[in-house]
């Protein structure tokens, strides 16, 4: 599939992928190739990690219900 236009997430880079879940056109930075999802859908599904690499989790970051 050929895409033209801007990423619908950042609205500044060229869209090169389409999310299989919601259809969002996304650039390389806002698309998770492993799941074929945009970062928004990957985040909601729990399959994507858009946190900076190497960030440490401490007790303040952990929430239990």
Protein backbone atom coordinates (compact mmCIF):
# COMPACT_ATOMS: atom_id res chain seq x y z
CA UNK A 1 0.00 0.00 0.00
CA UNK A 2 1.30 3.42 -0.93
CA UNK A 3 0.80 6.25 1.53
CA UNK A 4 1.08 9.95 1.02
CA UNK A 5 0.67 12.62 3.64
CA UNK A 6 1.69 13.35 7.18
CA UNK A 7 1.74 11.10 10.21
CA UNK A 8 -1.59 11.45 12.02
CA UNK A 9 0.18 11.19 15.38
CA UNK A 10 2.89 13.86 15.14
CA UNK A 11 1.59 15.67 12.04
CA UNK A 12 5.13 16.57 11.00
CA UNK A 13 6.79 13.53 9.39
CA UNK A 14 5.81 11.57 6.30
CA UNK A 15 3.46 8.66 7.02
CA UNK A 16 4.96 5.35 5.90
CA UNK A 17 2.72 2.84 7.73
CA UNK A 18 -0.94 2.20 8.46
CA UNK A 19 -2.16 0.85 11.81
CA UNK A 20 -4.01 -2.45 11.31
CA UNK A 21 -6.32 -1.69 14.24
CA UNK A 22 -7.45 1.91 13.74
CA UNK A 23 -6.18 2.83 10.27
CA UNK A 24 -4.01 5.70 11.47
CA UNK A 25 -1.27 6.75 9.04
CA UNK A 26 1.98 6.81 11.02
CA UNK A 27 5.65 7.64 10.51
CA UNK A 28 8.46 5.26 11.54
CA UNK A 29 8.71 6.91 14.97
CA UNK A 30 5.01 6.40 15.76
CA UNK A 31 4.57 2.85 14.48
CA UNK A 32 5.38 -0.45 16.17
CA UNK A 33 6.46 -2.85 13.41
CA UNK A 34 6.28 -5.91 15.68
CA UNK A 35 2.54 -5.50 16.23
CA UNK A 36 1.67 -3.44 13.11
CA UNK A 37 0.03 -0.88 15.40
CA UNK A 38 0.43 2.87 15.80
CA UNK A 39 1.89 3.88 19.17
CA UNK A 40 -1.56 4.88 20.46
CA UNK A 41 -3.07 1.42 19.81
CA UNK A 42 0.11 -0.35 20.94
CA UNK A 43 -0.01 1.61 24.20
CA UNK A 44 -3.70 0.79 24.79
CA UNK A 45 -3.15 -2.89 24.02
CA UNK A 46 -0.13 -3.10 26.33
CA UNK A 47 1.99 -4.36 23.42
CA UNK A 48 3.99 -1.20 22.89
CA UNK A 49 6.52 0.47 25.10
CA UNK A 50 6.88 4.11 24.21
CA UNK A 51 8.90 4.89 27.32
CA UNK A 52 12.49 5.95 26.81
CA UNK A 53 14.87 3.00 26.78
CA UNK A 54 16.75 2.48 30.00
CA UNK A 55 14.24 4.24 32.21
CA UNK A 56 14.07 2.70 35.64
CA UNK A 57 10.85 1.96 37.47
CA UNK A 58 10.72 2.70 41.16
CA UNK A 59 7.98 2.16 43.76
CA UNK A 60 6.40 5.53 42.94
CA UNK A 61 5.85 4.35 39.36
CA UNK A 62 4.13 1.10 40.33
CA UNK A 63 0.38 1.25 40.93
CA UNK A 64 -1.53 -1.67 42.35
CA UNK A 65 -5.28 -2.06 42.54
